[in-house]
Amino acid sequence: MKSVAIVQSNYIPWKGYFDLIASVDEFILYDDMQYTRRDWRNRNQIKTPQGVQWLTVPVQVKGRYEQKIRDTEIEKTADWARTHWRTLEQNYRRAAHFDEVAAWVAPLYCDAEYQHLSQLNRVFIEAVCGYMGIRTKISNSWDYQLADGKTERLADLCTQAGGTEYVSGPSAKDYIDETVFAERDIKLSWFDYSGYPEYPQLWGDFTHGVTVLDLLFNCGSEAVTYMKHFRS
């Protein structure tokens, strides 16, 4: 059995995203999809004393309504990276494991340059996986041939990757044709994001849907104990 998940890349995603990565054998970044504005592709949330705050990577979208995620470029003029890091530092420097995590997160912001959003997202995703000990193979959708049809493409990508089980987020139930996977003898499983335990968190009432960096700054290497489907 080989399990595969196929998901668009997100900017510093929440813990559930990494839980899904950890639960499969191969995770395909599906950035051949159209870029969507005001979505998780280029932004995520952190906790602050004033409540939840967005961190948004500025990207070039004017006149590019049908561009793919993989083709979406980051604005060259904006000093977003250092601004994001200063914001993280300001709001998480009191966290128990800030120094430990900052040692590898800060250079991703301050010592690197990124041209495309997909590149940025993958660098951060792989860095978080490395810290958490997630050894899942991560590949890009353009490493494979892309078939026509929404569900057909997903099933075909799974087959090309040698997968016998496709693990999908529950929101895809609205559009996935389950018979397409059944015809290819691929098991279709629905990932469960409910029931995560709370962890020590700064700034008021507990919030689940913030970036995974919140979990890491607060819990360090113990972060994996708050992941439901994590496997070493």
C-alpha atoms as a PDB file:
ATOM      1  CA  MET A   1       0.000   0.000   0.000  1.00  0.00           C
ATOM      2  CA  LYS A   2       1.166   3.508  -0.843  1.00  0.00           C
ATOM      3  CA  SER A   3      -0.878   6.518   0.234  1.00  0.00           C
ATOM      4  CA  VAL A   4      -0.862   9.816  -1.645  1.00  0.00           C
ATOM      5  CA  ALA A   5      -2.298  13.270  -0.928  1.00  0.00           C
ATOM      6  CA  ILE A   6      -2.518  16.059  -3.517  1.00  0.00           C
ATOM      7  CA  VAL A   7      -2.935  19.598  -2.162  1.00  0.00           C
ATOM      8  CA  GLN A   8      -2.137  23.141  -3.252  1.00  0.00           C
ATOM      9  CA  SER A   9       0.766  24.766  -1.473  1.00  0.00           C
ATOM     10  CA  ASN A  10      -0.014  27.212   1.348  1.00  0.00           C
ATOM     11  CA  TYR A  11       2.073  29.860   3.063  1.00  0.00           C
ATOM     12  CA  ILE A  12       3.222  28.673   6.529  1.00  0.00           C
ATOM     13  CA  PRO A  13       0.126  26.392   6.812  1.00  0.00           C
ATOM     14  CA  TRP A  14      -1.685  25.349   9.964  1.00  0.00           C
ATOM     15  CA  LYS A  15      -0.866  22.154  11.868  1.00  0.00           C
ATOM     16  CA  GLY A  16      -3.526  20.091  10.087  1.00  0.00           C
ATOM     17  CA  TYR A  17      -1.730  20.573   6.777  1.00  0.00           C
ATOM     18  CA  PHE A  18       1.407  18.965   8.216  1.00  0.00           C
ATOM     19  CA  ASP A  19      -0.621  16.258   9.900  1.00  0.00           C
ATOM     20  CA  LEU A  20      -1.902  15.296   6.448  1.00  0.00           C
ATOM     21  CA  ILE A  21       1.644  15.301   5.056  1.00  0.00           C
ATOM     22  CA  ALA A  22       2.834  13.066   7.899  1.00  0.00           C
ATOM     23  CA  SER A  23       0.006  10.585   7.351  1.00  0.00           C
ATOM     24  CA  VAL A  24       0.838   9.726   3.711  1.00  0.00           C
ATOM     25  CA  ASP A  25       3.772   8.273   1.807  1.00  0.00           C
ATOM     26  CA  GLU A  26       3.872  10.968  -0.886  1.00  0.00           C
ATOM     27  CA  PHE A  27       2.523  14.506  -0.787  1.00  0.00           C
ATOM     28  CA  ILE A  28       2.077  16.198  -4.169  1.00  0.00           C
ATOM     29  CA  LEU A  29       1.980  19.993  -4.224  1.00  0.00           C
ATOM     30  CA  TYR A  30      -0.811  20.708  -6.673  1.00  0.00           C
ATOM     31  CA  ASP A  31       0.349  24.137  -7.879  1.00  0.00           C
ATOM     32  CA  ASP A  32      -0.783  23.619 -11.462  1.00  0.00           C
ATOM     33  CA  MET A  33      -4.159  24.874 -10.230  1.00  0.00           C
ATOM     34  CA  GLN A  34      -5.322  28.455 -10.777  1.00  0.00           C
ATOM     35  CA  TYR A  35      -4.155  30.958  -8.182  1.00  0.00           C
ATOM     36  CA  THR A  36      -7.038  32.193  -6.035  1.00  0.00           C
ATOM     37  CA  ARG A  37      -7.020  35.553  -4.314  1.00  0.00           C
ATOM     38  CA  ARG A  38      -7.747  36.053  -0.617  1.00  0.00           C
ATOM     39  CA  ASP A  39      -6.974  32.390   0.028  1.00  0.00           C
ATOM     40  CA  TRP A  40      -4.350  30.423   1.954  1.00  0.00           C
ATOM     41  CA  ARG A  41      -1.891  30.301  -0.952  1.00  0.00           C
ATOM     42  CA  ASN A  42      -0.074  33.510   0.058  1.00  0.00           C
ATOM     43  CA  ARG A  43      -1.257  34.275   3.575  1.00  0.00           C
ATOM     44  CA  ASN A  44      -1.861  32.819   7.023  1.00  0.00           C
ATOM     45  CA  GLN A  45      -2.740  33.863  10.543  1.00  0.00           C
ATOM     46  CA  ILE A  46      -0.770  34.381  13.747  1.00  0.00           C
ATOM     47  CA  LYS A  47      -1.874  35.201  17.287  1.00  0.00           C
ATOM     48  CA  THR A  48      -1.175  38.611  18.818  1.00  0.00           C
ATOM     49  CA  PRO A  49      -2.253  40.424  22.000  1.00  0.00           C
ATOM     50  CA  GLN A  50      -4.835  42.205  19.819  1.00  0.00           C
ATOM     51  CA  GLY A  51      -6.206  38.974  18.374  1.00  0.00           C
ATOM     52  CA  VAL A  52      -5.608  37.030  15.169  1.00  0.00           C
ATOM     53  CA  GLN A  53      -3.566  38.859  12.500  1.00  0.00           C
ATOM     54  CA  TRP A  54      -2.923  38.022   8.851  1.00  0.00           C
ATOM     55  CA  LEU A  55       0.570  37.749   7.370  1.00  0.00           C
ATOM     56  CA  THR A  56       0.234  38.198   3.603  1.00  0.00           C
ATOM     57  CA  VAL A  57       2.921  37.722   0.948  1.00  0.00           C
ATOM     58  CA  PRO A  58       2.416  40.378  -1.769  1.00  0.00           C
ATOM     59  CA  VAL A  59       2.110  38.762  -5.195  1.00  0.00           C
ATOM     60  CA  GLN A  60       1.648  40.023  -8.731  1.00  0.00           C
ATOM     61  CA  VAL A  61      -1.991  39.559  -9.701  1.00  0.00           C
ATOM     62  CA  LYS A  62      -2.965  42.596 -11.778  1.00  0.00           C
ATOM     63  CA  GLY A  63      -4.187  41.389 -15.151  1.00  0.00           C
ATOM     64  CA  ARG A  64      -3.218  37.798 -14.302  1.00  0.00           C
ATOM     65  CA  TYR A  65      -6.640  36.424 -13.483  1.00  0.00           C
ATOM     66  CA  GLU A  66      -6.018  32.894 -14.770  1.00  0.00           C
ATOM     67  CA  GLN A  67      -2.410  32.386 -13.730  1.00  0.00           C
ATOM     68  CA  LYS A  68      -1.438  29.143 -12.029  1.00  0.00           C
ATOM     69  CA  ILE A  69      -0.061  29.052  -8.503  1.00  0.00           C
ATOM     70  CA  ARG A  70       3.295  27.875  -9.858  1.00  0.00           C
ATOM     71  CA  ASP A  71       3.490  30.958 -12.116  1.00  0.00           C
ATOM     72  CA  THR A  72       2.525  33.482  -9.437  1.00  0.00           C
ATOM     73  CA  GLU A  73       5.411  35.865  -8.756  1.00  0.00           C
ATOM     74  CA  ILE A  74       6.171  37.661  -5.522  1.00  0.00           C
ATOM     75  CA  GLU A  75       6.325  41.459  -5.644  1.00  0.00           C
ATOM     76  CA  LYS A  76       9.966  42.484  -5.900  1.00  0.00           C
ATOM     77  CA  THR A  77       9.647  45.928  -4.344  1.00  0.00           C
ATOM     78  CA  ALA A  78       8.038  44.978  -1.041  1.00  0.00           C
ATOM     79  CA  ASP A  79      10.182  44.198   2.016  1.00  0.00           C
ATOM     80  CA  TRP A  80       7.568  41.689   3.140  1.00  0.00           C
ATOM     81  CA  ALA A  81       9.992  39.022   4.413  1.00  0.00           C
ATOM     82  CA  ARG A  82      11.695  41.128   7.058  1.00  0.00           C
ATOM     83  CA  THR A  83       8.354  42.662   8.007  1.00  0.00           C
ATOM     84  CA  HIS A  84       6.876  39.197   8.536  1.00  0.00           C
ATOM     85  CA  TRP A  85       9.836  38.126  10.624  1.00  0.00           C
ATOM     86  CA  ARG A  86       9.723  41.265  12.782  1.00  0.00           C
ATOM     87  CA  THR A  87       6.009  40.655  13.345  1.00  0.00           C
ATOM     88  CA  LEU A  88       6.624  37.023  14.331  1.00  0.00           C
ATOM     89  CA  GLU A  89       9.468  38.036  16.622  1.00  0.00           C
ATOM     90  CA  GLN A  90       7.403  40.738  18.291  1.00  0.00           C
ATOM     91  CA  ASN A  91       4.475  38.411  19.017  1.00  0.00           C
ATOM     92  CA  TYR A  92       6.274  35.140  19.833  1.00  0.00           C
ATOM     93  CA  ARG A  93       9.511  36.133  21.552  1.00  0.00           C
ATOM     94  CA  ARG A  94       7.908  35.223  24.912  1.00  0.00           C
ATOM     95  CA  ALA A  95       7.014  31.731  23.689  1.00  0.00           C
ATOM     96  CA  ALA A  96       8.807  28.881  25.451  1.00  0.00           C
ATOM     97  CA  HIS A  97      10.671  27.619  22.366  1.00  0.00           C
ATOM     98  CA  PHE A  98      11.080  30.848  20.401  1.00  0.00           C
ATOM     99  CA  ASP A  99      14.893  30.880  20.326  1.00  0.00           C
ATOM    100  CA  GLU A 100      15.153  27.246  19.255  1.00  0.00           C
ATOM    101  CA  VAL A 101      12.710  27.631  16.364  1.00  0.00           C
ATOM    102  CA  ALA A 102      13.875  31.124  15.401  1.00  0.00           C
ATOM    103  CA  ALA A 103      17.370  29.728  14.785  1.00  0.00           C
ATOM    104  CA  TRP A 104      16.131  28.076  11.575  1.00  0.00           C
ATOM    105  CA  VAL A 105      13.037  30.143  10.739  1.00  0.00           C
ATOM    106  CA  ALA A 106      14.686  33.580  10.810  1.00  0.00           C
ATOM    107  CA  PRO A 107      17.183  32.747   8.011  1.00  0.00           C
ATOM    108  CA  LEU A 108      14.297  31.646   5.778  1.00  0.00           C
ATOM    109  CA  TYR A 109      13.000  35.205   6.003  1.00  0.00           C
ATOM    110  CA  CYS A 110      16.169  37.267   6.310  1.00  0.00           C
ATOM    111  CA  ASP A 111      18.815  35.392   4.299  1.00  0.00           C
ATOM    112  CA  ALA A 112      16.892  34.129   1.259  1.00  0.00           C
ATOM    113  CA  GLU A 113      15.134  35.585  -1.762  1.00  0.00           C
ATOM    114  CA  TYR A 114      12.124  34.128  -3.525  1.00  0.00           C
ATOM    115  CA  GLN A 115      10.774  34.847  -6.982  1.00  0.00           C
ATOM    116  CA  HIS A 116       7.734  32.597  -7.097  1.00  0.00           C
ATOM    117  CA  LEU A 117       5.117  31.814  -4.458  1.00  0.00           C
ATOM    118  CA  SER A 118       5.385  28.047  -5.015  1.00  0.00           C
ATOM    119  CA  GLN A 119       9.116  28.193  -4.321  1.00  0.00           C
ATOM    120  CA  LEU A 120       8.584  30.141  -1.104  1.00  0.00           C
ATOM    121  CA  ASN A 121       5.838  27.840   0.141  1.00  0.00           C
ATOM    122  CA  ARG A 122       7.810  24.691  -0.560  1.00  0.00           C
ATOM    123  CA  VAL A 123      10.918  25.992   1.231  1.00  0.00           C
ATOM    124  CA  PHE A 124       8.916  26.696   4.375  1.00  0.00           C
ATOM    125  CA  ILE A 125       6.936  23.462   4.170  1.00  0.00           C
ATOM    126  CA  GLU A 126      10.089  21.379   3.821  1.00  0.00           C
ATOM    127  CA  ALA A 127      11.803  23.258   6.657  1.00  0.00           C
ATOM    128  CA  VAL A 128       8.894  22.602   9.010  1.00  0.00           C
ATOM    129  CA  CYS A 129       8.790  18.938   7.981  1.00  0.00           C
ATOM    130  CA  GLY A 130      12.514  18.652   8.644  1.00  0.00           C
ATOM    131  CA  TYR A 131      12.171  20.101  12.132  1.00  0.00           C
ATOM    132  CA  MET A 132       9.205  17.900  12.994  1.00  0.00           C
ATOM    133  CA  GLY A 133      10.792  14.739  11.631  1.00  0.00           C
ATOM    134  CA  ILE A 134       8.262  14.250   8.834  1.00  0.00           C
ATOM    135  CA  ARG A 135       9.961  12.121   6.174  1.00  0.00           C
ATOM    136  CA  THR A 136       7.155  12.007   3.620  1.00  0.00           C
ATOM    137  CA  LYS A 137       8.248  12.413   0.005  1.00  0.00           C
ATOM    138  CA  ILE A 138       7.183  15.825  -1.321  1.00  0.00           C
ATOM    139  CA  SER A 139       6.837  16.288  -5.065  1.00  0.00           C
ATOM    140  CA  ASN A 140       5.302  18.767  -7.491  1.00  0.00           C
ATOM    141  CA  SER A 141       2.331  18.108  -9.748  1.00  0.00           C
ATOM    142  CA  TRP A 142       4.469  19.077 -12.743  1.00  0.00           C
ATOM    143  CA  ASP A 143       6.730  16.128 -12.002  1.00  0.00           C
ATOM    144  CA  TYR A 144       3.927  14.078 -13.587  1.00  0.00           C
ATOM    145  CA  GLN A 145       1.680  14.154 -16.660  1.00  0.00           C
ATOM    146  CA  LEU A 146      -1.634  15.937 -16.074  1.00  0.00           C
ATOM    147  CA  ALA A 147      -4.812  14.293 -17.321  1.00  0.00           C
ATOM    148  CA  ASP A 148      -8.068  16.068 -18.192  1.00  0.00           C
ATOM    149  CA  GLY A 149     -10.959  16.109 -15.752  1.00  0.00           C
ATOM    150  CA  LYS A 150     -10.971  17.284 -12.137  1.00  0.00           C
ATOM    151  CA  THR A 151     -11.278  13.908 -10.417  1.00  0.00           C
ATOM    152  CA  GLU A 152      -9.596  12.026 -13.279  1.00  0.00           C
ATOM    153  CA  ARG A 153      -6.483  14.170 -12.884  1.00  0.00           C
ATOM    154  CA  LEU A 154      -6.222  13.443  -9.168  1.00  0.00           C
ATOM    155  CA  ALA A 155      -6.712   9.709  -9.677  1.00  0.00           C
ATOM    156  CA  ASP A 156      -4.201   9.645 -12.513  1.00  0.00           C
ATOM    157  CA  LEU A 157      -1.595  11.530 -10.463  1.00  0.00           C
ATOM    158  CA  CYS A 158      -2.090   9.006  -7.688  1.00  0.00           C
ATOM    159  CA  THR A 159      -1.609   6.125 -10.141  1.00  0.00           C
ATOM    160  CA  GLN A 160       1.533   7.680 -11.652  1.00  0.00           C
ATOM    161  CA  ALA A 161       2.975   8.058  -8.156  1.00  0.00           C
ATOM    162  CA  GLY A 162       2.327   4.366  -7.522  1.00  0.00           C
ATOM    163  CA  GLY A 163      -0.406   5.113  -5.022  1.00  0.00           C
ATOM    164  CA  THR A 164      -3.047   2.608  -3.991  1.00  0.00           C
ATOM    165  CA  GLU A 165      -4.785   4.973  -1.563  1.00  0.00           C
ATOM    166  CA  TYR A 166      -5.743   8.601  -2.106  1.00  0.00           C
ATOM    167  CA  VAL A 167      -6.192  10.685   1.052  1.00  0.00           C
ATOM    168  CA  SER A 168      -8.296  13.805   0.576  1.00  0.00           C
ATOM    169  CA  GLY A 169      -9.418  16.669   2.742  1.00  0.00           C
ATOM    170  CA  PRO A 170     -13.135  16.564   3.635  1.00  0.00           C
ATOM    171  CA  SER A 171     -14.004  19.715   1.661  1.00  0.00           C
ATOM    172  CA  ALA A 172     -13.339  17.828  -1.590  1.00  0.00           C
ATOM    173  CA  LYS A 173     -16.448  15.696  -1.001  1.00  0.00           C
ATOM    174  CA  ASP A 174     -18.355  18.451  -2.804  1.00  0.00           C
ATOM    175  CA  TYR A 175     -16.669  17.756  -6.144  1.00  0.00           C
ATOM    176  CA  ILE A 176     -14.808  14.424  -6.135  1.00  0.00           C
ATOM    177  CA  ASP A 177     -16.410  11.624  -8.122  1.00  0.00           C
ATOM    178  CA  GLU A 178     -15.689   8.591  -5.973  1.00  0.00           C
ATOM    179  CA  THR A 179     -16.411   6.157  -8.810  1.00  0.00           C
ATOM    180  CA  VAL A 180     -13.308   7.405 -10.680  1.00  0.00           C
ATOM    181  CA  PHE A 181     -11.087   6.090  -7.884  1.00  0.00           C
ATOM    182  CA  ALA A 182     -13.091   2.879  -7.544  1.00  0.00           C
ATOM    183  CA  GLU A 183     -12.685   2.144 -11.255  1.00  0.00           C
ATOM    184  CA  ARG A 184      -8.906   2.406 -10.829  1.00  0.00           C
ATOM    185  CA  ASP A 185      -8.929   0.240  -7.700  1.00  0.00           C
ATOM    186  CA  ILE A 186      -7.669   3.150  -5.590  1.00  0.00           C
ATOM    187  CA  LYS A 187      -8.910   3.396  -2.026  1.00  0.00           C
ATOM    188  CA  LEU A 188     -10.368   6.838  -1.294  1.00  0.00           C
ATOM    189  CA  SER A 189      -9.978   8.022   2.300  1.00  0.00           C
ATOM    190  CA  TRP A 190     -11.196  11.250   3.891  1.00  0.00           C
ATOM    191  CA  PHE A 191      -8.827  12.987   6.276  1.00  0.00           C
ATOM    192  CA  ASP A 192     -10.273  14.024   9.619  1.00  0.00           C
ATOM    193  CA  TYR A 193      -9.222  17.468  10.882  1.00  0.00           C
ATOM    194  CA  SER A 194     -11.492  17.434  13.938  1.00  0.00           C
ATOM    195  CA  GLY A 195     -10.620  16.808  17.561  1.00  0.00           C
ATOM    196  CA  TYR A 196      -7.146  18.345  17.825  1.00  0.00           C
ATOM    197  CA  PRO A 197      -6.019  18.820  21.435  1.00  0.00           C
ATOM    198  CA  GLU A 198      -5.195  22.299  22.664  1.00  0.00           C
ATOM    199  CA  TYR A 199      -1.581  23.193  23.413  1.00  0.00           C
ATOM    200  CA  PRO A 200       0.004  25.977  25.502  1.00  0.00           C
ATOM    201  CA  GLN A 201      -0.669  29.140  23.489  1.00  0.00           C
ATOM    202  CA  LEU A 202      -0.065  32.841  24.059  1.00  0.00           C
ATOM    203  CA  TRP A 203      -2.616  35.629  23.934  1.00  0.00           C
ATOM    204  CA  GLY A 204      -6.075  34.732  25.161  1.00  0.00           C
ATOM    205  CA  ASP A 205      -8.553  32.092  24.039  1.00  0.00           C
ATOM    206  CA  PHE A 206      -7.163  29.104  22.166  1.00  0.00           C
ATOM    207  CA  THR A 207      -7.249  29.281  18.364  1.00  0.00           C
ATOM    208  CA  HIS A 208      -6.674  26.159  16.216  1.00  0.00           C
ATOM    209  CA  GLY A 209      -6.523  27.611  12.716  1.00  0.00           C
ATOM    210  CA  VAL A 210      -3.333  29.670  12.938  1.00  0.00           C
ATOM    211  CA  THR A 211       0.007  28.925  11.281  1.00  0.00           C
ATOM    212  CA  VAL A 212       1.983  25.896  12.441  1.00  0.00           C
ATOM    213  CA  LEU A 213       4.683  28.338  13.582  1.00  0.00           C
ATOM    214  CA  ASP A 214       2.425  29.156  16.538  1.00  0.00           C
ATOM    215  CA  LEU A 215       2.561  25.507  17.611  1.00  0.00           C
ATOM    216  CA  LEU A 216       6.319  25.293  17.072  1.00  0.00           C
ATOM    217  CA  PHE A 217       7.201  28.494  18.939  1.00  0.00           C
ATOM    218  CA  ASN A 218       5.090  27.391  21.887  1.00  0.00           C
ATOM    219  CA  CYS A 219       5.886  23.671  21.998  1.00  0.00           C
ATOM    220  CA  GLY A 220       9.159  23.092  20.138  1.00  0.00           C
ATOM    221  CA  SER A 221       9.998  19.452  19.501  1.00  0.00           C
ATOM    222  CA  GLU A 222       6.964  18.422  21.571  1.00  0.00           C
ATOM    223  CA  ALA A 223       4.707  19.842  18.823  1.00  0.00           C
ATOM    224  CA  VAL A 224       4.234  16.375  17.308  1.00  0.00           C
ATOM    225  CA  THR A 225       2.410  15.217  20.437  1.00  0.00           C
ATOM    226  CA  TYR A 226      -0.431  17.575  19.488  1.00  0.00           C
ATOM    227  CA  MET A 227      -0.799  16.055  16.007  1.00  0.00           C
ATOM    228  CA  LYS A 228      -3.480  13.372  15.694  1.00  0.00           C
ATOM    229  CA  HIS A 229      -2.222  11.429  12.690  1.00  0.00           C
ATOM    230  CA  PHE A 230       1.486  11.978  13.053  1.00  0.00           C
ATOM    231  CA  ARG A 231       3.751   8.997  12.566  1.00  0.00           C
ATOM    232  CA  SER A 232       7.511   9.039  13.005  1.00  0.00           C
END
